[in-house]
Amino acid sequence: MIANNVYFITTDYLKKYYSGYLDPNIDANALDSFILIAQGIRIQSVLGFDLYNKYITDINNNTGPVGQYKYLMDNYIQPATALYSIYEALPSLNFRITNKAVSQKSSDYGQPSTRTDVEYLRQQVVNNAEFYSMRIREYITNNPSDFPEYYITTGVNRIRAKNNNYFGGLYLPDVVRRPGTYGGWSQDERCAGCGVGNGYFLN
């Protein structure tokens, strides 16, 4: 069972190492929620369920990751988590949901950013996060015997690690296309065992 109160990083970590993005007076409680979102969605898709769950379990048991697991956490998982947390937080740092409307924040010392500005900044942040995500995968695949959980998919929690952590703006699912009559194509079918993983169409 994954506990919702397990954090790979703290808000102090975010403010210390990523102060270029974050003002020191940001509410820590607000950032905590985005750390959990970044972990549960972004990092879990990078690690896969079983390896992600191992980290959660080790932290819950107060032992923490050790050996290669600790190296991966310190050098790649934590930076990726931090950047994805900022990515998830940016829209809400500019806007706030109230009981009357979605309001744009303002202050006496600065003007709220436009949506275009926020999206530009988010793109820069997610580019860096994707770099660390790929470094996670590369490190694991270069040391496969040290991370057996990465290659395991068990039970109903079948979240497999992504093959490619860069998103180019276009998603192509794994499908097989079969020739149809009169030179056309028949209905697409899911690729049950091709293992391509990159959305290629197979003739």
C-alpha atoms as a PDB file:
ATOM      1  CA  MET A   1       0.000   0.000   0.000  1.00  0.00           C
ATOM      2  CA  ILE A   2       1.367   3.423  -0.935  1.00  0.00           C
ATOM      3  CA  ALA A   3       1.050   5.979   1.825  1.00  0.00           C
ATOM      4  CA  ASN A   4       0.104   9.478   0.742  1.00  0.00           C
ATOM      5  CA  ASN A   5       2.299  11.162   3.338  1.00  0.00           C
ATOM      6  CA  VAL A   6       5.650   9.899   2.038  1.00  0.00           C
ATOM      7  CA  TYR A   7       7.768  12.555   0.382  1.00  0.00           C
ATOM      8  CA  PHE A   8      10.869  12.104  -1.769  1.00  0.00           C
ATOM      9  CA  ILE A   9      11.800  15.749  -1.164  1.00  0.00           C
ATOM     10  CA  THR A  10      10.836  18.471   1.297  1.00  0.00           C
ATOM     11  CA  THR A  11       9.762  22.037   0.706  1.00  0.00           C
ATOM     12  CA  ASP A  12      13.081  23.101   2.267  1.00  0.00           C
ATOM     13  CA  TYR A  13      14.847  21.094  -0.455  1.00  0.00           C
ATOM     14  CA  LEU A  14      12.808  22.895  -3.102  1.00  0.00           C
ATOM     15  CA  LYS A  15      13.489  26.344  -1.688  1.00  0.00           C
ATOM     16  CA  LYS A  16      17.201  25.671  -1.142  1.00  0.00           C
ATOM     17  CA  TYR A  17      18.163  24.125  -4.479  1.00  0.00           C
ATOM     18  CA  TYR A  18      15.539  25.730  -6.736  1.00  0.00           C
ATOM     19  CA  SER A  19      15.362  29.220  -5.274  1.00  0.00           C
ATOM     20  CA  GLY A  20      15.680  30.618  -8.784  1.00  0.00           C
ATOM     21  CA  TYR A  21      12.100  29.492  -9.399  1.00  0.00           C
ATOM     22  CA  LEU A  22      10.566  29.924  -5.959  1.00  0.00           C
ATOM     23  CA  ASP A  23      10.198  32.857  -3.595  1.00  0.00           C
ATOM     24  CA  PRO A  24      11.190  31.935  -0.013  1.00  0.00           C
ATOM     25  CA  ASN A  25       7.851  33.081   1.428  1.00  0.00           C
ATOM     26  CA  ILE A  26       5.760  30.547  -0.538  1.00  0.00           C
ATOM     27  CA  ASP A  27       3.457  28.563   1.741  1.00  0.00           C
ATOM     28  CA  ALA A  28       5.083  25.189   2.440  1.00  0.00           C
ATOM     29  CA  ASN A  29       1.713  23.460   2.798  1.00  0.00           C
ATOM     30  CA  ALA A  30       0.782  24.503  -0.723  1.00  0.00           C
ATOM     31  CA  LEU A  31       4.001  23.064  -2.129  1.00  0.00           C
ATOM     32  CA  ASP A  32       3.552  19.755  -0.269  1.00  0.00           C
ATOM     33  CA  SER A  33       0.482  18.912  -2.312  1.00  0.00           C
ATOM     34  CA  PHE A  34       2.356  19.412  -5.581  1.00  0.00           C
ATOM     35  CA  ILE A  35       5.242  17.236  -4.415  1.00  0.00           C
ATOM     36  CA  LEU A  36       2.773  14.393  -3.903  1.00  0.00           C
ATOM     37  CA  ILE A  37       1.218  15.013  -7.322  1.00  0.00           C
ATOM     38  CA  ALA A  38       4.637  15.027  -8.984  1.00  0.00           C
ATOM     39  CA  GLN A  39       5.603  11.794  -7.261  1.00  0.00           C
ATOM     40  CA  GLY A  40       2.349   9.947  -7.785  1.00  0.00           C
ATOM     41  CA  ILE A  41       1.959  10.820 -11.457  1.00  0.00           C
ATOM     42  CA  ARG A  42       5.310  11.792 -12.936  1.00  0.00           C
ATOM     43  CA  ILE A  43       7.868   9.826 -10.936  1.00  0.00           C
ATOM     44  CA  GLN A  44       5.756   6.688 -10.683  1.00  0.00           C
ATOM     45  CA  SER A  45       5.485   6.617 -14.482  1.00  0.00           C
ATOM     46  CA  VAL A  46       9.284   6.894 -14.714  1.00  0.00           C
ATOM     47  CA  LEU A  47      10.047   4.175 -12.162  1.00  0.00           C
ATOM     48  CA  GLY A  48       7.092   1.865 -12.665  1.00  0.00           C
ATOM     49  CA  PHE A  49       4.858   0.790  -9.796  1.00  0.00           C
ATOM     50  CA  ASP A  50       7.090  -1.837  -8.194  1.00  0.00           C
ATOM     51  CA  LEU A  51      10.264   0.260  -7.971  1.00  0.00           C
ATOM     52  CA  TYR A  52       8.253   3.305  -6.912  1.00  0.00           C
ATOM     53  CA  ASN A  53       6.557   1.254  -4.207  1.00  0.00           C
ATOM     54  CA  LYS A  54       9.936  -0.025  -2.959  1.00  0.00           C
ATOM     55  CA  TYR A  55      11.075   3.551  -2.350  1.00  0.00           C
ATOM     56  CA  ILE A  56       7.827   4.366  -0.559  1.00  0.00           C
ATOM     57  CA  THR A  57       8.112   1.221   1.592  1.00  0.00           C
ATOM     58  CA  ASP A  58      11.751   1.864   2.491  1.00  0.00           C
ATOM     59  CA  ILE A  59      10.995   5.431   3.547  1.00  0.00           C
ATOM     60  CA  ASN A  60       7.936   4.290   5.518  1.00  0.00           C
ATOM     61  CA  ASN A  61      10.093   1.754   7.364  1.00  0.00           C
ATOM     62  CA  ASN A  62      12.483   4.554   8.382  1.00  0.00           C
ATOM     63  CA  THR A  63      15.379   2.793   6.683  1.00  0.00           C
ATOM     64  CA  GLY A  64      15.395   4.879   3.538  1.00  0.00           C
ATOM     65  CA  PRO A  65      17.023   3.818   0.282  1.00  0.00           C
ATOM     66  CA  VAL A  66      20.545   2.417   0.492  1.00  0.00           C
ATOM     67  CA  GLY A  67      23.333   1.608  -1.947  1.00  0.00           C
ATOM     68  CA  GLN A  68      22.440   2.094  -5.587  1.00  0.00           C
ATOM     69  CA  TYR A  69      18.870   2.978  -4.637  1.00  0.00           C
ATOM     70  CA  LYS A  70      20.154   5.910  -2.583  1.00  0.00           C
ATOM     71  CA  TYR A  71      22.483   7.041  -5.369  1.00  0.00           C
ATOM     72  CA  LEU A  72      19.596   7.042  -7.832  1.00  0.00           C
ATOM     73  CA  MET A  73      17.380   8.917  -5.380  1.00  0.00           C
ATOM     74  CA  ASP A  74      19.939  11.588  -4.481  1.00  0.00           C
ATOM     75  CA  ASN A  75      21.249  12.278  -7.966  1.00  0.00           C
ATOM     76  CA  TYR A  76      18.284  11.821 -10.275  1.00  0.00           C
ATOM     77  CA  ILE A  77      14.938  11.085  -8.597  1.00  0.00           C
ATOM     78  CA  GLN A  78      15.005  14.039  -6.215  1.00  0.00           C
ATOM     79  CA  PRO A  79      15.936  16.623  -8.890  1.00  0.00           C
ATOM     80  CA  ALA A  80      13.246  15.212 -11.206  1.00  0.00           C
ATOM     81  CA  THR A  81      10.686  15.301  -8.378  1.00  0.00           C
ATOM     82  CA  ALA A  82      11.593  18.894  -7.537  1.00  0.00           C
ATOM     83  CA  LEU A  83      11.270  20.106 -11.112  1.00  0.00           C
ATOM     84  CA  TYR A  84       8.008  18.253 -11.717  1.00  0.00           C
ATOM     85  CA  SER A  85       6.680  19.715  -8.439  1.00  0.00           C
ATOM     86  CA  ILE A  86       7.424  23.227  -9.675  1.00  0.00           C
ATOM     87  CA  TYR A  87       5.863  22.368 -13.031  1.00  0.00           C
ATOM     88  CA  GLU A  88       2.661  21.216 -11.332  1.00  0.00           C
ATOM     89  CA  ALA A  89       2.629  24.185  -8.947  1.00  0.00           C
ATOM     90  CA  LEU A  90       3.134  27.005 -11.440  1.00  0.00           C
ATOM     91  CA  PRO A  91      -0.504  27.451 -12.555  1.00  0.00           C
ATOM     92  CA  SER A  92      -1.735  27.563  -8.964  1.00  0.00           C
ATOM     93  CA  LEU A  93       0.989  29.988  -7.932  1.00  0.00           C
ATOM     94  CA  ASN A  94      -0.498  32.412 -10.439  1.00  0.00           C
ATOM     95  CA  PHE A  95      -4.157  31.595  -9.813  1.00  0.00           C
ATOM     96  CA  ARG A  96      -6.238  30.692  -6.793  1.00  0.00           C
ATOM     97  CA  ILE A  97      -9.611  28.949  -6.566  1.00  0.00           C
ATOM     98  CA  THR A  98     -11.942  30.784  -4.183  1.00  0.00           C
ATOM     99  CA  ASN A  99     -15.571  30.206  -3.235  1.00  0.00           C
ATOM    100  CA  LYS A 100     -16.598  32.763  -5.870  1.00  0.00           C
ATOM    101  CA  ALA A 101     -14.253  32.304  -8.819  1.00  0.00           C
ATOM    102  CA  VAL A 102     -10.831  31.349 -10.089  1.00  0.00           C
ATOM    103  CA  SER A 103      -8.885  34.513  -9.304  1.00  0.00           C
ATOM    104  CA  GLN A 104      -5.534  35.742 -10.539  1.00  0.00           C
ATOM    105  CA  LYS A 105      -3.212  36.785  -7.738  1.00  0.00           C
ATOM    106  CA  SER A 106      -1.735  40.259  -7.542  1.00  0.00           C
ATOM    107  CA  SER A 107       0.497  42.205  -5.175  1.00  0.00           C
ATOM    108  CA  ASP A 108       1.738  45.712  -4.466  1.00  0.00           C
ATOM    109  CA  TYR A 109       5.180  44.848  -5.792  1.00  0.00           C
ATOM    110  CA  GLY A 110       4.534  42.928  -8.995  1.00  0.00           C
ATOM    111  CA  GLN A 111       2.110  42.197 -11.785  1.00  0.00           C
ATOM    112  CA  PRO A 112       0.563  38.744 -12.317  1.00  0.00           C
ATOM    113  CA  SER A 113       2.030  36.826 -15.225  1.00  0.00           C
ATOM    114  CA  THR A 114      -0.026  36.125 -18.295  1.00  0.00           C
ATOM    115  CA  ARG A 115      -1.003  32.600 -19.209  1.00  0.00           C
ATOM    116  CA  THR A 116       1.526  32.677 -22.043  1.00  0.00           C
ATOM    117  CA  ASP A 117       4.314  33.631 -19.633  1.00  0.00           C
ATOM    118  CA  VAL A 118       3.369  30.833 -17.246  1.00  0.00           C
ATOM    119  CA  GLU A 119       3.253  28.258 -20.028  1.00  0.00           C
ATOM    120  CA  TYR A 120       6.657  29.390 -21.309  1.00  0.00           C
ATOM    121  CA  LEU A 121       8.164  28.970 -17.848  1.00  0.00           C
ATOM    122  CA  ARG A 122       6.472  25.604 -17.363  1.00  0.00           C
ATOM    123  CA  GLN A 123       7.968  24.383 -20.627  1.00  0.00           C
ATOM    124  CA  GLN A 124      11.472  25.305 -19.478  1.00  0.00           C
ATOM    125  CA  VAL A 125      10.927  23.526 -16.164  1.00  0.00           C
ATOM    126  CA  VAL A 126       9.489  20.358 -17.705  1.00  0.00           C
ATOM    127  CA  ASN A 127      12.356  20.187 -20.219  1.00  0.00           C
ATOM    128  CA  ASN A 128      14.792  19.971 -17.314  1.00  0.00           C
ATOM    129  CA  ALA A 129      12.576  17.471 -15.483  1.00  0.00           C
ATOM    130  CA  GLU A 130      12.450  15.227 -18.550  1.00  0.00           C
ATOM    131  CA  PHE A 131      16.248  15.277 -18.757  1.00  0.00           C
ATOM    132  CA  TYR A 132      16.521  13.925 -15.213  1.00  0.00           C
ATOM    133  CA  SER A 133      13.761  11.410 -15.959  1.00  0.00           C
ATOM    134  CA  MET A 134      15.792  10.020 -18.840  1.00  0.00           C
ATOM    135  CA  ARG A 135      18.881   9.930 -16.655  1.00  0.00           C
ATOM    136  CA  ILE A 136      16.891   7.786 -14.199  1.00  0.00           C
ATOM    137  CA  ARG A 137      16.055   5.311 -16.934  1.00  0.00           C
ATOM    138  CA  GLU A 138      19.591   5.298 -18.336  1.00  0.00           C
ATOM    139  CA  TYR A 139      21.144   4.682 -14.938  1.00  0.00           C
ATOM    140  CA  ILE A 140      18.765   1.818 -14.176  1.00  0.00           C
ATOM    141  CA  THR A 141      19.175   0.161 -17.566  1.00  0.00           C
ATOM    142  CA  ASN A 142      22.970   0.431 -17.252  1.00  0.00           C
ATOM    143  CA  ASN A 143      22.756  -1.310 -13.864  1.00  0.00           C
ATOM    144  CA  PRO A 144      19.866  -3.759 -14.366  1.00  0.00           C
ATOM    145  CA  SER A 145      20.845  -6.213 -11.622  1.00  0.00           C
ATOM    146  CA  ASP A 146      20.735  -3.439  -9.004  1.00  0.00           C
ATOM    147  CA  PHE A 147      17.114  -2.512  -9.728  1.00  0.00           C
ATOM    148  CA  PRO A 148      15.160  -5.750 -10.315  1.00  0.00           C
ATOM    149  CA  GLU A 149      11.876  -4.064  -9.360  1.00  0.00           C
ATOM    150  CA  TYR A 150      12.107  -1.903 -12.474  1.00  0.00           C
ATOM    151  CA  TYR A 151      11.596  -4.977 -14.641  1.00  0.00           C
ATOM    152  CA  ILE A 152       8.755  -6.445 -12.566  1.00  0.00           C
ATOM    153  CA  THR A 153       5.055  -5.779 -13.086  1.00  0.00           C
ATOM    154  CA  THR A 154       2.795  -7.479 -10.559  1.00  0.00           C
ATOM    155  CA  GLY A 155      -0.844  -7.570  -9.532  1.00  0.00           C
ATOM    156  CA  VAL A 156      -3.453  -5.074 -10.599  1.00  0.00           C
ATOM    157  CA  ASN A 157      -1.096  -2.104 -10.173  1.00  0.00           C
ATOM    158  CA  ARG A 158       0.345  -2.504 -13.652  1.00  0.00           C
ATOM    159  CA  ILE A 159       2.064   0.809 -14.124  1.00  0.00           C
ATOM    160  CA  ARG A 160       5.088   0.076 -16.266  1.00  0.00           C
ATOM    161  CA  ALA A 161       8.025   2.422 -16.521  1.00  0.00           C
ATOM    162  CA  LYS A 162       7.923   4.577 -19.635  1.00  0.00           C
ATOM    163  CA  ASN A 163      10.465   3.816 -22.351  1.00  0.00           C
ATOM    164  CA  ASN A 164      10.819   7.438 -23.373  1.00  0.00           C
ATOM    165  CA  ASN A 165      10.479  10.259 -20.868  1.00  0.00           C
ATOM    166  CA  TYR A 166      10.608  13.061 -23.423  1.00  0.00           C
ATOM    167  CA  PHE A 167       7.239  14.289 -24.636  1.00  0.00           C
ATOM    168  CA  GLY A 168       7.217  15.798 -28.108  1.00  0.00           C
ATOM    169  CA  GLY A 169       3.598  16.944 -28.070  1.00  0.00           C
ATOM    170  CA  LEU A 170       2.176  14.004 -30.040  1.00  0.00           C
ATOM    171  CA  TYR A 171       1.119  10.691 -28.516  1.00  0.00           C
ATOM    172  CA  LEU A 172       1.048   7.597 -30.730  1.00  0.00           C
ATOM    173  CA  PRO A 173      -0.217   4.440 -29.009  1.00  0.00           C
ATOM    174  CA  ASP A 174       1.246   1.006 -29.668  1.00  0.00           C
ATOM    175  CA  VAL A 175      -0.872  -0.433 -32.472  1.00  0.00           C
ATOM    176  CA  VAL A 176      -0.630  -2.922 -35.277  1.00  0.00           C
ATOM    177  CA  ARG A 177      -2.262  -2.086 -38.602  1.00  0.00           C
ATOM    178  CA  ARG A 178      -3.318  -4.863 -40.932  1.00  0.00           C
ATOM    179  CA  PRO A 179      -3.877  -4.570 -44.680  1.00  0.00           C
ATOM    180  CA  GLY A 180      -7.518  -4.453 -45.600  1.00  0.00           C
ATOM    181  CA  THR A 181      -9.405  -4.975 -48.819  1.00  0.00           C
ATOM    182  CA  TYR A 182      -8.826  -2.868 -51.915  1.00  0.00           C
ATOM    183  CA  GLY A 183      -5.443  -1.664 -50.667  1.00  0.00           C
ATOM    184  CA  GLY A 184      -6.867   0.083 -47.601  1.00  0.00           C
ATOM    185  CA  TRP A 185      -6.310  -0.510 -43.909  1.00  0.00           C
ATOM    186  CA  SER A 186      -8.462  -2.415 -41.492  1.00  0.00           C
ATOM    187  CA  GLN A 187      -9.294  -1.242 -37.988  1.00  0.00           C
ATOM    188  CA  ASP A 188      -6.279  -0.727 -35.693  1.00  0.00           C
ATOM    189  CA  GLU A 189      -5.648  -3.369 -33.097  1.00  0.00           C
ATOM    190  CA  ARG A 190      -3.666  -3.153 -29.887  1.00  0.00           C
ATOM    191  CA  CYS A 191      -0.177  -4.567 -30.149  1.00  0.00           C
ATOM    192  CA  ALA A 192      -0.276  -7.472 -27.723  1.00  0.00           C
ATOM    193  CA  GLY A 193       3.338  -8.538 -27.930  1.00  0.00           C
ATOM    194  CA  CYS A 194       5.296  -6.321 -30.271  1.00  0.00           C
ATOM    195  CA  GLY A 195       7.007  -4.437 -27.435  1.00  0.00           C
ATOM    196  CA  VAL A 196       7.870  -1.456 -29.585  1.00  0.00           C
ATOM    197  CA  GLY A 197       6.822   1.047 -26.963  1.00  0.00           C
ATOM    198  CA  ASN A 198       7.139   4.107 -29.167  1.00  0.00           C
ATOM    199  CA  GLY A 199       3.861   4.221 -31.063  1.00  0.00           C
ATOM    200  CA  TYR A 200       5.194   2.802 -34.318  1.00  0.00           C
ATOM    201  CA  PHE A 201       2.756   1.472 -36.901  1.00  0.00           C
ATOM    202  CA  LEU A 202       3.667  -2.020 -38.007  1.00  0.00           C
ATOM    203  CA  ASN A 203       2.687  -3.316 -41.440  1.00  0.00           C
END
